[in-house]
Amino acid sequence: MAYNSIIISSGHGQYVRGACGIIDEVNEARVLVERLATDLRFRGVDVKTFHDDVSYTQNENLNRIVDFHNGHIRQLDISVHFNAYEQVPHGMGVEVLYVTQGTLAGQVSAAIAAAGGLINRGAKKRTDLFFLNSTEAPAILLEVCFVDSEADCFAYRDYFDDISAAIADTLSGMSGEDIPDVPLPPCETTMTGKVSWFGGPGDMGVAPDEGLAFIYNVEQAPHLFLPYQPEDTTGLARRLNPFVHYIALRWNYDEMTKDEILKHVALVRALKTGVDLTAFPADWGPHGDTDRLADISPGLMHDLGIETDDEVEVIFPYRGN
């Protein structure tokens, strides 16, 4: 079956971490979700994505993810995860979990295995997982590879593009040969400079009615915003959720359109602490007169362990390789 509308979410959350080994489950799931969404859109599929940057408990995290899925009309729900066991040099492989979608799970698992040179552990029926039991649309849960298998992680890194394309081909019913002139994702650019913060109800440096450069309504990027408009404000800048990881850069619209910018994520690395986290594009800025490279959310600044005018390295678009 070819799917026309899909919602994809990354497993766990910013404060409810998953497995961590050679690679980090939460970080990699977010990158793969956004790349897969881009590949599916090239194939004509309507895709929405979700990442939980708010929840602090597992129960809250699971309910928030499922609520997002069930709040939309779609044909298929997908949750992206990475498996873990113990650190080993040999391959462990890919599996796709399901309750009702055994055939699809088997197809996706086989496609990932073939594209990435991974062991195909196949479709696994699981009736004990909240996501698979609670989403109202048909659902599958991907365990792309093992974060503690050296062979898996190297294969995932080397064949990242092929893995994403293979999943997209399977879900859309198309193959790469069916898609004329699919543009390659732009090359990563690394920038270094000072940083400050912006956005949210506490940012008195923006007007109550101030908007954002390329997001014109909440529906364009619902994961960035508070569920309510702060009192005495009407603009999206003050409605940004300060706990979500977002970033403003002086984007070059000649190199990438506003719509394309929203399809990617940035990696922000704090030079002082060595912590790096992904962030969603949210606005254009900061003004050149500030001599700063980027403005980020208060939550991202806190989680990086830095302050205004500390230096960061920003990689955009970040592909996780």
C-alpha atoms as a PDB file:
ATOM      1  CA  MET A   1       0.000   0.000   0.000  1.00  0.00           C
ATOM      2  CA  ALA A   2       1.180   3.520  -0.795  1.00  0.00           C
ATOM      3  CA  TYR A   3       0.568   6.031   1.989  1.00  0.00           C
ATOM      4  CA  ASN A   4      -0.404   9.631   1.232  1.00  0.00           C
ATOM      5  CA  SER A   5      -0.355  11.043   4.776  1.00  0.00           C
ATOM      6  CA  ILE A   6       2.012  10.019   7.548  1.00  0.00           C
ATOM      7  CA  ILE A   7       3.020  11.335  10.956  1.00  0.00           C
ATOM      8  CA  ILE A   8       6.519  10.469  12.182  1.00  0.00           C
ATOM      9  CA  SER A   9       7.806  11.103  15.709  1.00  0.00           C
ATOM     10  CA  SER A  10      11.167  10.492  17.321  1.00  0.00           C
ATOM     11  CA  GLY A  11      11.216   8.155  20.293  1.00  0.00           C
ATOM     12  CA  HIS A  12      11.682   9.416  23.865  1.00  0.00           C
ATOM     13  CA  GLY A  13      12.413  13.139  24.336  1.00  0.00           C
ATOM     14  CA  GLN A  14      14.854  15.872  25.197  1.00  0.00           C
ATOM     15  CA  TYR A  15      14.463  15.217  28.937  1.00  0.00           C
ATOM     16  CA  VAL A  16      13.366  11.573  28.744  1.00  0.00           C
ATOM     17  CA  ARG A  17      16.426  10.051  27.173  1.00  0.00           C
ATOM     18  CA  GLY A  18      16.655   6.755  25.354  1.00  0.00           C
ATOM     19  CA  ALA A  19      19.615   4.498  24.675  1.00  0.00           C
ATOM     20  CA  CYS A  20      23.114   5.914  24.425  1.00  0.00           C
ATOM     21  CA  GLY A  21      26.184   4.078  23.165  1.00  0.00           C
ATOM     22  CA  ILE A  22      28.361   4.814  20.178  1.00  0.00           C
ATOM     23  CA  ILE A  23      25.512   7.035  18.997  1.00  0.00           C
ATOM     24  CA  ASP A  24      22.678   8.660  20.967  1.00  0.00           C
ATOM     25  CA  GLU A  25      19.160   7.369  20.292  1.00  0.00           C
ATOM     26  CA  VAL A  26      17.286  10.631  20.830  1.00  0.00           C
ATOM     27  CA  ASN A  27      19.673  12.736  18.739  1.00  0.00           C
ATOM     28  CA  GLU A  28      19.836  10.278  15.841  1.00  0.00           C
ATOM     29  CA  ALA A  29      16.091   9.613  15.811  1.00  0.00           C
ATOM     30  CA  ARG A  30      15.408  13.333  15.403  1.00  0.00           C
ATOM     31  CA  VAL A  31      17.809  13.644  12.504  1.00  0.00           C
ATOM     32  CA  LEU A  32      16.432  10.562  10.738  1.00  0.00           C
ATOM     33  CA  VAL A  33      12.811  11.672  11.264  1.00  0.00           C
ATOM     34  CA  GLU A  34      13.436  15.001   9.546  1.00  0.00           C
ATOM     35  CA  ARG A  35      15.432  13.444   6.697  1.00  0.00           C
ATOM     36  CA  LEU A  36      12.777  10.765   6.164  1.00  0.00           C
ATOM     37  CA  ALA A  37      10.080  13.436   6.123  1.00  0.00           C
ATOM     38  CA  THR A  38      12.005  15.313   3.437  1.00  0.00           C
ATOM     39  CA  ASP A  39      12.424  12.163   1.328  1.00  0.00           C
ATOM     40  CA  LEU A  40       8.719  11.350   1.650  1.00  0.00           C
ATOM     41  CA  ARG A  41       7.676  14.861   0.659  1.00  0.00           C
ATOM     42  CA  PHE A  42       9.769  14.537  -2.514  1.00  0.00           C
ATOM     43  CA  ARG A  43       7.608  11.481  -3.237  1.00  0.00           C
ATOM     44  CA  GLY A  44       4.378  13.425  -2.800  1.00  0.00           C
ATOM     45  CA  VAL A  45       3.512  12.265   0.716  1.00  0.00           C
ATOM     46  CA  ASP A  46       2.011  14.685   3.250  1.00  0.00           C
ATOM     47  CA  VAL A  47       4.187  14.349   6.364  1.00  0.00           C
ATOM     48  CA  LYS A  48       4.112  15.913   9.815  1.00  0.00           C
ATOM     49  CA  THR A  49       6.857  15.343  12.382  1.00  0.00           C
ATOM     50  CA  PHE A  50       7.040  15.621  16.148  1.00  0.00           C
ATOM     51  CA  HIS A  51       9.805  15.730  18.776  1.00  0.00           C
ATOM     52  CA  ASP A  52       9.105  16.033  22.493  1.00  0.00           C
ATOM     53  CA  ASP A  53      11.172  18.818  24.085  1.00  0.00           C
ATOM     54  CA  VAL A  54       8.835  19.392  27.021  1.00  0.00           C
ATOM     55  CA  SER A  55       8.085  16.218  29.008  1.00  0.00           C
ATOM     56  CA  TYR A  56      10.083  15.245  32.087  1.00  0.00           C
ATOM     57  CA  THR A  57       8.550  11.833  32.831  1.00  0.00           C
ATOM     58  CA  GLN A  58       8.104   8.735  30.707  1.00  0.00           C
ATOM     59  CA  ASN A  59       4.336   8.744  31.159  1.00  0.00           C
ATOM     60  CA  GLU A  60       4.060  12.385  30.122  1.00  0.00           C
ATOM     61  CA  ASN A  61       6.387  11.753  27.190  1.00  0.00           C
ATOM     62  CA  LEU A  62       4.397   8.787  25.846  1.00  0.00           C
ATOM     63  CA  ASN A  63       1.071  10.561  26.183  1.00  0.00           C
ATOM     64  CA  ARG A  64       2.372  13.741  24.549  1.00  0.00           C
ATOM     65  CA  ILE A  65       3.669  11.830  21.526  1.00  0.00           C
ATOM     66  CA  VAL A  66       0.482   9.813  21.095  1.00  0.00           C
ATOM     67  CA  ASP A  67      -1.698  12.904  21.568  1.00  0.00           C
ATOM     68  CA  PHE A  68       0.143  14.630  18.734  1.00  0.00           C
ATOM     69  CA  HIS A  69      -0.411  11.671  16.412  1.00  0.00           C
ATOM     70  CA  ASN A  70      -4.075  11.297  17.339  1.00  0.00           C
ATOM     71  CA  GLY A  71      -4.658  15.019  16.891  1.00  0.00           C
ATOM     72  CA  HIS A  72      -4.246  14.755  13.120  1.00  0.00           C
ATOM     73  CA  ILE A  73      -5.887  12.963  10.216  1.00  0.00           C
ATOM     74  CA  ARG A  74      -3.405  10.513   8.653  1.00  0.00           C
ATOM     75  CA  GLN A  75      -3.054   7.016   7.229  1.00  0.00           C
ATOM     76  CA  LEU A  76       0.001   5.824   9.145  1.00  0.00           C
ATOM     77  CA  ASP A  77       1.897   6.535  12.366  1.00  0.00           C
ATOM     78  CA  ILE A  78       5.623   5.870  12.710  1.00  0.00           C
ATOM     79  CA  SER A  79       7.849   6.086  15.773  1.00  0.00           C
ATOM     80  CA  VAL A  80      11.619   6.075  15.165  1.00  0.00           C
ATOM     81  CA  HIS A  81      13.883   4.418  17.735  1.00  0.00           C
ATOM     82  CA  PHE A  82      17.312   2.818  18.006  1.00  0.00           C
ATOM     83  CA  ASN A  83      17.915  -0.434  19.843  1.00  0.00           C
ATOM     84  CA  ALA A  84      20.467  -1.311  22.548  1.00  0.00           C
ATOM     85  CA  TYR A  85      21.895  -4.422  24.193  1.00  0.00           C
ATOM     86  CA  GLU A  86      25.617  -4.296  25.046  1.00  0.00           C
ATOM     87  CA  GLN A  87      28.638  -2.896  23.238  1.00  0.00           C
ATOM     88  CA  VAL A  88      29.836  -5.383  20.646  1.00  0.00           C
ATOM     89  CA  PRO A  89      31.930  -5.091  17.487  1.00  0.00           C
ATOM     90  CA  HIS A  90      29.645  -7.265  15.361  1.00  0.00           C
ATOM     91  CA  GLY A  91      26.345  -6.375  13.724  1.00  0.00           C
ATOM     92  CA  MET A  92      23.032  -6.722  15.562  1.00  0.00           C
ATOM     93  CA  GLY A  93      20.600  -5.440  12.965  1.00  0.00           C
ATOM     94  CA  VAL A  94      17.260  -3.775  12.335  1.00  0.00           C
ATOM     95  CA  GLU A  95      13.750  -4.762  13.375  1.00  0.00           C
ATOM     96  CA  VAL A  96      10.344  -3.143  13.017  1.00  0.00           C
ATOM     97  CA  LEU A  97       7.703  -3.596  15.713  1.00  0.00           C
ATOM     98  CA  TYR A  98       3.961  -3.816  15.124  1.00  0.00           C
ATOM     99  CA  VAL A  99       0.609  -4.912  16.521  1.00  0.00           C
ATOM    100  CA  THR A 100      -1.512  -5.092  13.358  1.00  0.00           C
ATOM    101  CA  GLN A 101       0.858  -4.077  10.538  1.00  0.00           C
ATOM    102  CA  GLY A 102       2.971  -7.206  10.190  1.00  0.00           C
ATOM    103  CA  THR A 103       3.340  -7.106   6.416  1.00  0.00           C
ATOM    104  CA  LEU A 104       4.377  -3.453   6.342  1.00  0.00           C
ATOM    105  CA  ALA A 105       6.768  -3.944   9.268  1.00  0.00           C
ATOM    106  CA  GLY A 106       8.454  -6.792   7.425  1.00  0.00           C
ATOM    107  CA  GLN A 107       8.771  -4.742   4.238  1.00  0.00           C
ATOM    108  CA  VAL A 108      10.294  -1.747   6.021  1.00  0.00           C
ATOM    109  CA  SER A 109      12.716  -3.898   8.018  1.00  0.00           C
ATOM    110  CA  ALA A 110      13.884  -5.655   4.855  1.00  0.00           C
ATOM    111  CA  ALA A 111      14.293  -2.332   3.049  1.00  0.00           C
ATOM    112  CA  ILE A 112      16.433  -0.839   5.841  1.00  0.00           C
ATOM    113  CA  ALA A 113      18.552  -3.982   6.042  1.00  0.00           C
ATOM    114  CA  ALA A 114      19.180  -4.070   2.289  1.00  0.00           C
ATOM    115  CA  ALA A 115      19.980  -0.352   2.057  1.00  0.00           C
ATOM    116  CA  GLY A 116      22.300  -0.297   5.070  1.00  0.00           C
ATOM    117  CA  GLY A 117      23.910  -3.705   4.893  1.00  0.00           C
ATOM    118  CA  LEU A 118      22.340  -4.521   8.274  1.00  0.00           C
ATOM    119  CA  ILE A 119      21.160  -7.843   9.642  1.00  0.00           C
ATOM    120  CA  ASN A 120      17.406  -8.128   9.079  1.00  0.00           C
ATOM    121  CA  ARG A 121      15.813  -9.155  12.371  1.00  0.00           C
ATOM    122  CA  GLY A 122      12.451  -8.656  10.682  1.00  0.00           C
ATOM    123  CA  ALA A 123       8.976  -7.772  11.883  1.00  0.00           C
ATOM    124  CA  LYS A 124       8.344  -8.328  15.602  1.00  0.00           C
ATOM    125  CA  LYS A 125       4.839  -8.324  17.043  1.00  0.00           C
ATOM    126  CA  ARG A 126       4.721  -6.392  20.330  1.00  0.00           C
ATOM    127  CA  THR A 127       1.492  -5.937  22.249  1.00  0.00           C
ATOM    128  CA  ASP A 128       3.061  -4.224  25.280  1.00  0.00           C
ATOM    129  CA  LEU A 129       4.099  -0.887  23.794  1.00  0.00           C
ATOM    130  CA  PHE A 130       2.059   2.233  24.558  1.00  0.00           C
ATOM    131  CA  PHE A 131       2.691   3.860  21.185  1.00  0.00           C
ATOM    132  CA  LEU A 132       1.523   0.873  19.140  1.00  0.00           C
ATOM    133  CA  ASN A 133      -1.481   0.279  21.390  1.00  0.00           C
ATOM    134  CA  SER A 134      -2.643   3.892  21.647  1.00  0.00           C
ATOM    135  CA  THR A 135      -2.334   5.467  18.203  1.00  0.00           C
ATOM    136  CA  GLU A 136      -5.669   5.415  16.408  1.00  0.00           C
ATOM    137  CA  ALA A 137      -4.173   4.950  12.929  1.00  0.00           C
ATOM    138  CA  PRO A 138      -2.145   1.911  11.839  1.00  0.00           C
ATOM    139  CA  ALA A 139       1.319   2.157  13.341  1.00  0.00           C
ATOM    140  CA  ILE A 140       4.842   0.751  13.203  1.00  0.00           C
ATOM    141  CA  LEU A 141       7.859   1.392  15.412  1.00  0.00           C
ATOM    142  CA  LEU A 142      11.313   1.323  13.824  1.00  0.00           C
ATOM    143  CA  GLU A 143      14.362   0.024  15.696  1.00  0.00           C
ATOM    144  CA  VAL A 144      16.797   1.180  13.034  1.00  0.00           C
ATOM    145  CA  CYS A 145      19.952  -0.386  14.464  1.00  0.00           C
ATOM    146  CA  PHE A 146      21.751  -0.948  17.764  1.00  0.00           C
ATOM    147  CA  VAL A 147      23.462   2.089  19.291  1.00  0.00           C
ATOM    148  CA  ASP A 148      26.067  -0.164  20.950  1.00  0.00           C
ATOM    149  CA  SER A 149      27.000  -2.258  17.896  1.00  0.00           C
ATOM    150  CA  GLU A 150      30.082  -0.878  16.175  1.00  0.00           C
ATOM    151  CA  ALA A 151      29.177  -2.526  12.878  1.00  0.00           C
ATOM    152  CA  ASP A 152      25.610  -1.214  13.013  1.00  0.00           C
ATOM    153  CA  CYS A 153      26.653   2.345  13.810  1.00  0.00           C
ATOM    154  CA  PHE A 154      29.274   2.452  11.066  1.00  0.00           C
ATOM    155  CA  ALA A 155      26.775   1.074   8.546  1.00  0.00           C
ATOM    156  CA  TYR A 156      24.109   3.567   9.668  1.00  0.00           C
ATOM    157  CA  ARG A 157      26.590   6.420   9.256  1.00  0.00           C
ATOM    158  CA  ASP A 158      27.843   5.288   5.863  1.00  0.00           C
ATOM    159  CA  TYR A 159      24.414   4.457   4.390  1.00  0.00           C
ATOM    160  CA  PHE A 160      22.254   7.063   6.130  1.00  0.00           C
ATOM    161  CA  ASP A 161      20.977   8.544   2.853  1.00  0.00           C
ATOM    162  CA  ASP A 162      20.216   5.105   1.403  1.00  0.00           C
ATOM    163  CA  ILE A 163      18.377   3.962   4.538  1.00  0.00           C
ATOM    164  CA  SER A 164      16.110   7.001   4.559  1.00  0.00           C
ATOM    165  CA  ALA A 165      15.416   6.701   0.837  1.00  0.00           C
ATOM    166  CA  ALA A 166      14.623   2.994   1.173  1.00  0.00           C
ATOM    167  CA  ILE A 167      12.066   3.635   3.906  1.00  0.00           C
ATOM    168  CA  ALA A 168      10.512   6.430   1.841  1.00  0.00           C
ATOM    169  CA  ASP A 169      10.366   4.211  -1.250  1.00  0.00           C
ATOM    170  CA  THR A 170       8.615   1.459   0.701  1.00  0.00           C
ATOM    171  CA  LEU A 171       6.034   3.742   2.301  1.00  0.00           C
ATOM    172  CA  SER A 172       5.275   5.767  -0.828  1.00  0.00           C
ATOM    173  CA  GLY A 173       5.173   2.852  -3.237  1.00  0.00           C
ATOM    174  CA  MET A 174       7.755   4.607  -5.387  1.00  0.00           C
ATOM    175  CA  SER A 175      11.389   3.969  -6.179  1.00  0.00           C
ATOM    176  CA  GLY A 176      14.201   6.407  -6.667  1.00  0.00           C
ATOM    177  CA  GLU A 177      13.947   5.895 -10.430  1.00  0.00           C
ATOM    178  CA  ASP A 178      10.361   7.203 -10.330  1.00  0.00           C
ATOM    179  CA  ILE A 179      11.402  10.578  -8.925  1.00  0.00           C
ATOM    180  CA  PRO A 180      12.807  13.013 -11.496  1.00  0.00           C
ATOM    181  CA  ASP A 181      15.585  15.374 -10.468  1.00  0.00           C
ATOM    182  CA  VAL A 182      15.330  14.941  -6.710  1.00  0.00           C
ATOM    183  CA  PRO A 183      17.676  17.591  -5.315  1.00  0.00           C
ATOM    184  CA  LEU A 184      20.356  16.375  -2.967  1.00  0.00           C
ATOM    185  CA  PRO A 185      20.254  17.816   0.554  1.00  0.00           C
ATOM    186  CA  PRO A 186      22.536  20.850   0.776  1.00  0.00           C
ATOM    187  CA  CYS A 187      26.020  20.343   2.153  1.00  0.00           C
ATOM    188  CA  GLU A 188      26.596  21.013   5.821  1.00  0.00           C
ATOM    189  CA  THR A 189      28.070  24.399   6.738  1.00  0.00           C
ATOM    190  CA  THR A 190      29.916  24.946  10.014  1.00  0.00           C
ATOM    191  CA  MET A 191      29.884  28.394  11.629  1.00  0.00           C
ATOM    192  CA  THR A 192      31.341  29.653  14.918  1.00  0.00           C
ATOM    193  CA  GLY A 193      30.436  32.746  16.907  1.00  0.00           C
ATOM    194  CA  LYS A 194      28.765  34.270  19.929  1.00  0.00           C
ATOM    195  CA  VAL A 195      25.215  33.459  20.969  1.00  0.00           C
ATOM    196  CA  SER A 196      22.297  35.002  22.832  1.00  0.00           C
ATOM    197  CA  TRP A 197      18.693  33.940  23.470  1.00  0.00           C
ATOM    198  CA  PHE A 198      15.291  35.053  22.206  1.00  0.00           C
ATOM    199  CA  GLY A 199      11.618  34.192  22.158  1.00  0.00           C
ATOM    200  CA  GLY A 200       8.939  33.077  24.545  1.00  0.00           C
ATOM    201  CA  PRO A 201       6.731  34.938  27.015  1.00  0.00           C
ATOM    202  CA  GLY A 202       9.754  36.260  28.922  1.00  0.00           C
ATOM    203  CA  ASP A 203      11.444  37.983  26.001  1.00  0.00           C
ATOM    204  CA  MET A 204      10.641  41.648  26.546  1.00  0.00           C
ATOM    205  CA  GLY A 205      13.039  42.570  23.756  1.00  0.00           C
ATOM    206  CA  VAL A 206      10.411  41.680  21.152  1.00  0.00           C
ATOM    207  CA  ALA A 207       7.090  43.451  20.760  1.00  0.00           C
ATOM    208  CA  PRO A 208       3.911  41.684  21.917  1.00  0.00           C
ATOM    209  CA  ASP A 209       2.753  41.495  18.287  1.00  0.00           C
ATOM    210  CA  GLU A 210       6.107  40.599  16.724  1.00  0.00           C
ATOM    211  CA  GLY A 211       6.074  37.713  14.268  1.00  0.00           C
ATOM    212  CA  LEU A 212       8.725  35.388  12.869  1.00  0.00           C
ATOM    213  CA  ALA A 213      10.575  35.603   9.574  1.00  0.00           C
ATOM    214  CA  PHE A 214       9.314  32.432   7.880  1.00  0.00           C
ATOM    215  CA  ILE A 215       6.714  30.909  10.201  1.00  0.00           C
ATOM    216  CA  TYR A 216       3.383  32.636   9.785  1.00  0.00           C
ATOM    217  CA  ASN A 217       1.068  30.425  11.828  1.00  0.00           C
ATOM    218  CA  VAL A 218       1.326  27.793  14.562  1.00  0.00           C
ATOM    219  CA  GLU A 219       0.234  25.009  12.197  1.00  0.00           C
ATOM    220  CA  GLN A 220       3.445  25.367  10.164  1.00  0.00           C
ATOM    221  CA  ALA A 221       5.565  24.164  13.097  1.00  0.00           C
ATOM    222  CA  PRO A 222       3.332  23.272  16.073  1.00  0.00           C
ATOM    223  CA  HIS A 223       6.238  21.661  17.953  1.00  0.00           C
ATOM    224  CA  LEU A 224       7.820  25.108  18.421  1.00  0.00           C
ATOM    225  CA  PHE A 225       4.945  26.812  20.198  1.00  0.00           C
ATOM    226  CA  LEU A 226       3.114  26.975  23.488  1.00  0.00           C
ATOM    227  CA  PRO A 227      -0.421  25.559  23.360  1.00  0.00           C
ATOM    228  CA  TYR A 228      -1.777  29.014  24.265  1.00  0.00           C
ATOM    229  CA  GLN A 229      -1.080  32.629  23.322  1.00  0.00           C
ATOM    230  CA  PRO A 230       0.594  34.418  26.252  1.00  0.00           C
ATOM    231  CA  GLU A 231      -1.563  37.100  27.868  1.00  0.00           C
ATOM    232  CA  ASP A 232      -1.475  40.546  26.255  1.00  0.00           C
ATOM    233  CA  THR A 233       0.406  39.253  23.184  1.00  0.00           C
ATOM    234  CA  THR A 234      -0.605  38.383  19.633  1.00  0.00           C
ATOM    235  CA  GLY A 235       2.729  37.640  17.929  1.00  0.00           C
ATOM    236  CA  LEU A 236       4.377  34.274  17.370  1.00  0.00           C
ATOM    237  CA  ALA A 237       7.757  35.383  18.773  1.00  0.00           C
ATOM    238  CA  ARG A 238       6.357  35.571  22.306  1.00  0.00           C
ATOM    239  CA  ARG A 239       4.410  32.331  21.792  1.00  0.00           C
ATOM    240  CA  LEU A 240       7.553  30.282  21.129  1.00  0.00           C
ATOM    241  CA  ASN A 241       7.955  27.579  23.765  1.00  0.00           C
ATOM    242  CA  PRO A 242      11.137  28.586  25.610  1.00  0.00           C
ATOM    243  CA  PHE A 243      11.873  24.961  26.564  1.00  0.00           C
ATOM    244  CA  VAL A 244      11.949  23.775  22.938  1.00  0.00           C
ATOM    245  CA  HIS A 245      15.343  23.838  21.238  1.00  0.00           C
ATOM    246  CA  TYR A 246      15.148  26.364  18.402  1.00  0.00           C
ATOM    247  CA  ILE A 247      17.563  28.714  16.687  1.00  0.00           C
ATOM    248  CA  ALA A 248      17.695  31.905  14.630  1.00  0.00           C
ATOM    249  CA  LEU A 249      20.489  32.434  12.122  1.00  0.00           C
ATOM    250  CA  ARG A 250      21.014  34.908   9.308  1.00  0.00           C
ATOM    251  CA  TRP A 251      19.850  32.378   6.737  1.00  0.00           C
ATOM    252  CA  ASN A 252      20.781  32.921   3.105  1.00  0.00           C
ATOM    253  CA  TYR A 253      17.461  32.644   1.259  1.00  0.00           C
ATOM    254  CA  ASP A 254      19.327  32.469  -2.069  1.00  0.00           C
ATOM    255  CA  GLU A 255      20.884  29.161  -0.991  1.00  0.00           C
ATOM    256  CA  MET A 256      17.797  27.670   0.657  1.00  0.00           C
ATOM    257  CA  THR A 257      14.181  28.808   0.585  1.00  0.00           C
ATOM    258  CA  LYS A 258      12.247  29.514   3.754  1.00  0.00           C
ATOM    259  CA  ASP A 259      10.207  26.345   3.320  1.00  0.00           C
ATOM    260  CA  GLU A 260      13.359  24.280   2.846  1.00  0.00           C
ATOM    261  CA  ILE A 261      14.968  25.718   5.975  1.00  0.00           C
ATOM    262  CA  LEU A 262      12.061  24.424   8.057  1.00  0.00           C
ATOM    263  CA  LYS A 263      12.696  20.870   6.825  1.00  0.00           C
ATOM    264  CA  HIS A 264      16.138  20.662   8.438  1.00  0.00           C
ATOM    265  CA  VAL A 265      17.715  20.896  11.879  1.00  0.00           C
ATOM    266  CA  ALA A 266      20.907  22.516  13.132  1.00  0.00           C
ATOM    267  CA  LEU A 267      23.456  21.075  15.535  1.00  0.00           C
ATOM    268  CA  VAL A 268      24.566  23.584  18.177  1.00  0.00           C
ATOM    269  CA  ARG A 269      27.777  22.777  20.075  1.00  0.00           C
ATOM    270  CA  ALA A 270      28.827  24.841  23.107  1.00  0.00           C
ATOM    271  CA  LEU A 271      32.581  25.369  22.978  1.00  0.00           C
ATOM    272  CA  LYS A 272      32.735  25.999  26.737  1.00  0.00           C
ATOM    273  CA  THR A 273      31.001  22.799  27.816  1.00  0.00           C
ATOM    274  CA  GLY A 274      31.382  20.505  24.817  1.00  0.00           C
ATOM    275  CA  VAL A 275      27.632  19.746  24.875  1.00  0.00           C
ATOM    276  CA  ASP A 276      25.919  19.549  21.479  1.00  0.00           C
ATOM    277  CA  LEU A 277      22.188  19.455  20.818  1.00  0.00           C
ATOM    278  CA  THR A 278      19.953  19.747  17.759  1.00  0.00           C
ATOM    279  CA  ALA A 279      17.732  22.782  17.222  1.00  0.00           C
ATOM    280  CA  PHE A 280      14.853  23.667  14.913  1.00  0.00           C
ATOM    281  CA  PRO A 281      15.056  26.781  12.700  1.00  0.00           C
ATOM    282  CA  ALA A 282      12.572  29.356  14.015  1.00  0.00           C
ATOM    283  CA  ASP A 283      13.520  32.844  12.834  1.00  0.00           C
ATOM    284  CA  TRP A 284      16.031  35.043  11.013  1.00  0.00           C
ATOM    285  CA  GLY A 285      18.613  36.776  13.165  1.00  0.00           C
ATOM    286  CA  PRO A 286      20.360  38.110  15.138  1.00  0.00           C
ATOM    287  CA  HIS A 287      20.835  41.603  13.727  1.00  0.00           C
ATOM    288  CA  GLY A 288      24.325  42.081  12.300  1.00  0.00           C
ATOM    289  CA  ASP A 289      25.018  44.957  14.702  1.00  0.00           C
ATOM    290  CA  THR A 290      25.079  42.526  17.640  1.00  0.00           C
ATOM    291  CA  ASP A 291      28.242  40.779  16.395  1.00  0.00           C
ATOM    292  CA  ARG A 292      26.624  37.453  17.294  1.00  0.00           C
ATOM    293  CA  LEU A 293      26.216  34.360  15.173  1.00  0.00           C
ATOM    294  CA  ALA A 294      22.928  33.025  16.522  1.00  0.00           C
ATOM    295  CA  ASP A 295      20.001  33.493  18.858  1.00  0.00           C
ATOM    296  CA  ILE A 296      18.699  30.341  20.533  1.00  0.00           C
ATOM    297  CA  SER A 297      15.891  29.416  22.899  1.00  0.00           C
ATOM    298  CA  PRO A 298      16.324  29.906  26.651  1.00  0.00           C
ATOM    299  CA  GLY A 299      15.910  26.160  27.117  1.00  0.00           C
ATOM    300  CA  LEU A 300      18.664  25.347  24.641  1.00  0.00           C
ATOM    301  CA  MET A 301      20.998  27.859  26.284  1.00  0.00           C
ATOM    302  CA  HIS A 302      20.320  26.274  29.680  1.00  0.00           C
ATOM    303  CA  ASP A 303      20.798  22.723  28.418  1.00  0.00           C
ATOM    304  CA  LEU A 304      24.055  23.629  26.688  1.00  0.00           C
ATOM    305  CA  GLY A 305      25.298  25.101  29.976  1.00  0.00           C
ATOM    306  CA  ILE A 306      26.187  28.499  28.503  1.00  0.00           C
ATOM    307  CA  GLU A 307      25.348  32.193  28.830  1.00  0.00           C
ATOM    308  CA  THR A 308      24.915  35.160  26.517  1.00  0.00           C
ATOM    309  CA  ASP A 309      28.044  35.863  24.443  1.00  0.00           C
ATOM    310  CA  ASP A 310      29.538  32.419  24.977  1.00  0.00           C
ATOM    311  CA  GLU A 311      30.706  30.867  21.722  1.00  0.00           C
ATOM    312  CA  VAL A 312      28.977  28.071  19.853  1.00  0.00           C
ATOM    313  CA  GLU A 313      29.631  26.058  16.739  1.00  0.00           C
ATOM    314  CA  VAL A 314      26.592  25.613  14.508  1.00  0.00           C
ATOM    315  CA  ILE A 315      26.296  22.971  11.782  1.00  0.00           C
ATOM    316  CA  PHE A 316      23.444  23.436   9.323  1.00  0.00           C
ATOM    317  CA  PRO A 317      21.767  21.540   7.815  1.00  0.00           C
ATOM    318  CA  TYR A 318      22.784  18.811  10.242  1.00  0.00           C
ATOM    319  CA  ARG A 319      22.479  15.330   8.758  1.00  0.00           C
ATOM    320  CA  GLY A 320      23.807  13.281  11.674  1.00  0.00           C
ATOM    321  CA  ASN A 321      26.628  11.671   9.736  1.00  0.00           C
END
